């Protein structure tokens, strides 16, 4: 027979685990909601045909956070990773070191990692990327979310792997680790 004191301890332990599970569930729901684009943006681009693997990456032109302009078509002949992200997105923040590592590792093979910030000011992006996580890869500002809409981005981060011919070889949604990035890079650096 279980003594009353043991029953109280078992009840406390099961209550603790139930509470912990509720907290974990709430954190998971919060994580999912924070990594999604606002509903009005998703509603606007429902009719837009998103680019698909095997097709040419749509051309665009955006301002670099540090000044100057990036034009996608000028990168033909060189592999490119296009990463749509924002500073408020926890999964985006988590993958920044891996993106920086890939940029450093494959830059000698012509690879560029291009961070396309979604809707934020140059000051916010610069503070976070250059000072907080210390990235060096190029960053452009999609302040009106037009390029994100052109590419059918519905969740952040979303990453496009574009080969030397300008064709999309892979599209990944969600934070990527170094192994996943290397896998995508292998598809686009081989001639």
Protein backbone atom coordinates (compact mmCIF):
# COMPACT_ATOMS: atom_id res chain seq x y z
CA UNK A 1 0.00 0.00 0.00
CA UNK A 2 1.24 3.50 -0.90
CA UNK A 3 1.65 5.76 2.06
CA UNK A 4 0.04 9.23 1.94
CA UNK A 5 3.39 11.05 1.78
CA UNK A 6 4.43 9.06 -1.33
CA UNK A 7 1.08 9.86 -2.98
CA UNK A 8 1.68 13.60 -2.43
CA UNK A 9 5.19 13.34 -3.97
CA UNK A 10 3.86 11.42 -6.99
CA UNK A 11 1.10 14.01 -7.43
CA UNK A 12 3.64 16.87 -7.27
CA UNK A 13 5.92 15.16 -9.80
CA UNK A 14 3.13 14.48 -12.29
CA UNK A 15 1.90 18.08 -11.92
CA UNK A 16 5.42 19.32 -12.61
CA UNK A 17 5.69 17.27 -15.81
CA UNK A 18 2.24 18.35 -17.00
CA UNK A 19 3.18 21.98 -16.45
CA UNK A 20 6.47 21.50 -18.28
CA UNK A 21 4.68 19.92 -21.23
CA UNK A 22 2.23 22.84 -21.40
CA UNK A 23 5.12 25.33 -21.38
CA UNK A 24 6.93 23.38 -24.14
CA UNK A 25 3.75 23.31 -26.22
CA UNK A 26 3.24 27.06 -25.81
CA UNK A 27 6.86 27.77 -26.75
CA UNK A 28 6.49 25.61 -29.87
CA UNK A 29 3.34 27.44 -30.93
CA UNK A 30 5.07 30.77 -30.32
CA UNK A 31 8.08 29.69 -32.39
CA UNK A 32 5.84 28.73 -35.32
CA UNK A 33 3.90 31.98 -35.16
CA UNK A 34 7.03 34.15 -34.94
CA UNK A 35 8.57 32.55 -38.03
CA UNK A 36 5.55 33.20 -40.28
CA UNK A 37 5.02 36.23 -42.45
CA UNK A 38 2.11 38.53 -41.57
CA UNK A 39 -1.25 37.28 -42.88
CA UNK A 40 -1.77 40.32 -45.10
CA UNK A 41 1.47 39.53 -46.95
CA UNK A 42 0.46 35.90 -47.42
CA UNK A 43 -2.98 36.95 -48.69
CA UNK A 44 -1.44 39.33 -51.25
CA UNK A 45 0.72 36.72 -52.86
CA UNK A 46 -1.75 33.83 -53.08
CA UNK A 47 -2.24 34.46 -56.82
CA UNK A 48 1.48 34.80 -57.60
CA UNK A 49 3.12 31.77 -59.18
CA UNK A 50 6.14 30.97 -57.04
CA UNK A 51 9.41 29.98 -58.70
CA UNK A 52 10.10 26.26 -58.82
CA UNK A 53 13.19 24.11 -58.93
CA UNK A 54 14.63 23.71 -62.40
CA UNK A 55 13.42 27.14 -63.54
CA UNK A 56 15.37 30.39 -63.79
CA UNK A 57 15.43 32.45 -60.63
CA UNK A 58 13.37 35.62 -61.22
CA UNK A 59 15.58 38.67 -61.68
CA UNK A 60 15.41 41.45 -59.11
CA UNK A 61 17.27 44.52 -57.99
CA UNK A 62 17.62 45.61 -54.33
CA UNK A 63 19.76 48.01 -52.30
CA UNK A 64 22.62 46.63 -50.22
CA UNK A 65 22.34 47.50 -46.53
CA UNK A 66 25.82 49.08 -46.79
CA UNK A 67 24.96 51.08 -49.94
CA UNK A 68 24.97 50.25 -53.64
CA UNK A 69 22.67 48.00 -55.62
CA UNK A 70 22.48 44.25 -56.22
CA UNK A 71 21.12 42.95 -59.54
CA UNK A 72 20.54 39.18 -59.67
CA UNK A 73 21.22 38.91 -63.40
CA UNK A 74 24.82 40.12 -62.86
CA UNK A 75 25.52 36.92 -60.87
CA UNK A 76 24.95 34.57 -63.84
CA UNK A 77 27.83 32.15 -64.08
CA UNK A 78 28.30 32.03 -60.31
CA UNK A 79 26.47 29.95 -57.67
CA UNK A 80 24.22 31.83 -55.25
CA UNK A 81 22.30 31.17 -52.05
CA UNK A 82 19.36 33.55 -51.58
CA UNK A 83 18.20 33.55 -47.97
CA UNK A 84 15.00 35.41 -47.06
CA UNK A 85 15.09 36.38 -43.38
CA UNK A 86 14.30 39.00 -40.72
CA UNK A 87 15.91 39.98 -37.40
CA UNK A 88 12.68 39.24 -35.47
CA UNK A 89 12.62 35.62 -36.72
CA UNK A 90 14.22 33.17 -34.20
CA UNK A 91 14.98 30.42 -36.77
CA UNK A 92 16.58 33.05 -39.04
CA UNK A 93 18.78 34.20 -36.20
CA UNK A 94 19.74 30.60 -35.41
CA UNK A 95 20.99 29.83 -38.93
CA UNK A 96 23.09 33.00 -39.41
CA UNK A 97 26.35 31.45 -38.13
CA UNK A 98 25.94 28.47 -40.50
CA UNK A 99 25.31 30.79 -43.47
CA UNK A 100 28.41 32.80 -42.55
CA UNK A 101 30.46 29.61 -42.31
CA UNK A 102 29.29 28.45 -45.77
CA UNK A 103 30.10 31.87 -47.26
CA UNK A 104 33.63 31.69 -45.87
CA UNK A 105 34.13 28.05 -46.88
CA UNK A 106 32.95 28.34 -50.51
CA UNK A 107 33.73 31.95 -51.45
CA UNK A 108 36.84 30.81 -53.33
CA UNK A 109 34.54 28.78 -55.64
CA UNK A 110 32.51 31.88 -56.47
CA UNK A 111 29.64 31.17 -54.09
CA UNK A 112 27.76 34.11 -52.62
CA UNK A 113 25.32 33.95 -49.75
CA UNK A 114 22.84 36.80 -50.15
CA UNK A 115 20.66 37.71 -47.20
CA UNK A 116 17.38 39.32 -48.28
CA UNK A 117 15.93 41.06 -45.23
CA UNK A 118 12.15 41.30 -45.21
CA UNK A 119 10.74 44.74 -44.41
CA UNK A 120 13.20 46.17 -41.91
CA UNK A 121 15.27 49.34 -41.79
CA UNK A 122 18.98 49.44 -42.70
CA UNK A 123 19.84 50.42 -39.12
CA UNK A 124 18.07 47.41 -37.57
CA UNK A 125 19.60 44.99 -40.09
CA UNK A 126 23.11 46.42 -39.75
CA UNK A 127 23.00 46.41 -35.95
CA UNK A 128 21.87 42.79 -35.81
CA UNK A 129 23.85 41.24 -38.67
CA UNK A 130 27.13 43.10 -38.43
CA UNK A 131 27.40 43.69 -34.69
CA UNK A 132 25.28 41.04 -32.94
CA UNK A 133 25.94 37.92 -35.05
CA UNK A 134 28.92 39.35 -36.95
CA UNK A 135 28.04 38.24 -40.48
CA UNK A 136 30.05 39.48 -43.45
CA UNK A 137 28.02 38.12 -46.37
CA UNK A 138 26.07 40.65 -48.47
CA UNK A 139 22.67 41.81 -47.22
CA UNK A 140 19.97 43.53 -49.26
CA UNK A 141 16.76 45.21 -48.12
CA UNK A 142 13.38 44.08 -49.41
CA UNK A 143 11.59 46.89 -47.55
CA UNK A 144 8.29 46.56 -49.48
CA UNK A 145 8.45 42.71 -49.50
CA UNK A 146 8.15 42.74 -53.30
CA UNK A 147 10.98 40.28 -53.93
CA UNK A 148 9.67 38.01 -51.19
CA UNK A 149 6.30 38.04 -52.96
CA UNK A 150 7.98 37.44 -56.34
CA UNK A 151 9.66 34.35 -54.88
CA UNK A 152 6.50 33.15 -53.13
CA UNK A 153 8.02 33.38 -49.65
CA UNK A 154 5.38 32.48 -47.07
CA UNK A 155 7.55 31.64 -44.08
CA UNK A 156 10.95 32.72 -42.82
CA UNK A 157 13.62 31.68 -43.31
CA UNK A 158 13.29 30.46 -46.89
CA UNK A 159 16.43 29.65 -48.85
CA UNK A 160 16.92 29.27 -52.61
CA UNK A 161 19.98 27.52 -54.05
CA UNK A 162 20.69 28.95 -57.53
CA UNK A 163 23.24 27.30 -59.85
CA UNK A 164 25.71 28.93 -62.26
CA UNK A 165 23.09 29.02 -65.03
CA UNK A 166 20.69 30.96 -62.81
CA UNK A 167 18.39 27.97 -62.25
CA UNK A 168 16.88 27.17 -58.87
CA UNK A 169 18.16 23.76 -57.80
CA UNK A 170 16.63 23.59 -54.35
CA UNK A 171 14.25 25.51 -52.09
CA UNK A 172 14.37 25.01 -48.32
CA UNK A 173 11.91 26.41 -45.80
CA UNK A 174 13.02 26.71 -42.18
CA UNK A 175 16.37 27.09 -40.47
CA UNK A 176 19.21 25.15 -42.02
CA UNK A 177 22.21 23.68 -40.28
CA UNK A 178 25.66 23.48 -41.85
CA UNK A 179 25.13 19.94 -43.18
CA UNK A 180 21.91 20.95 -44.99
CA UNK A 181 23.62 24.01 -46.43
CA UNK A 182 26.57 21.95 -47.67
CA UNK A 183 24.12 19.56 -49.36
CA UNK A 184 22.46 22.48 -51.16
CA UNK A 185 25.80 24.02 -52.09
CA UNK A 186 26.99 20.75 -53.65
CA UNK A 187 24.02 20.92 -56.03
CA UNK A 188 24.94 24.38 -57.28
CA UNK A 189 28.74 24.51 -57.39
CA UNK A 190 29.30 21.52 -59.63
CA UNK A 191 29.52 22.57 -63.28
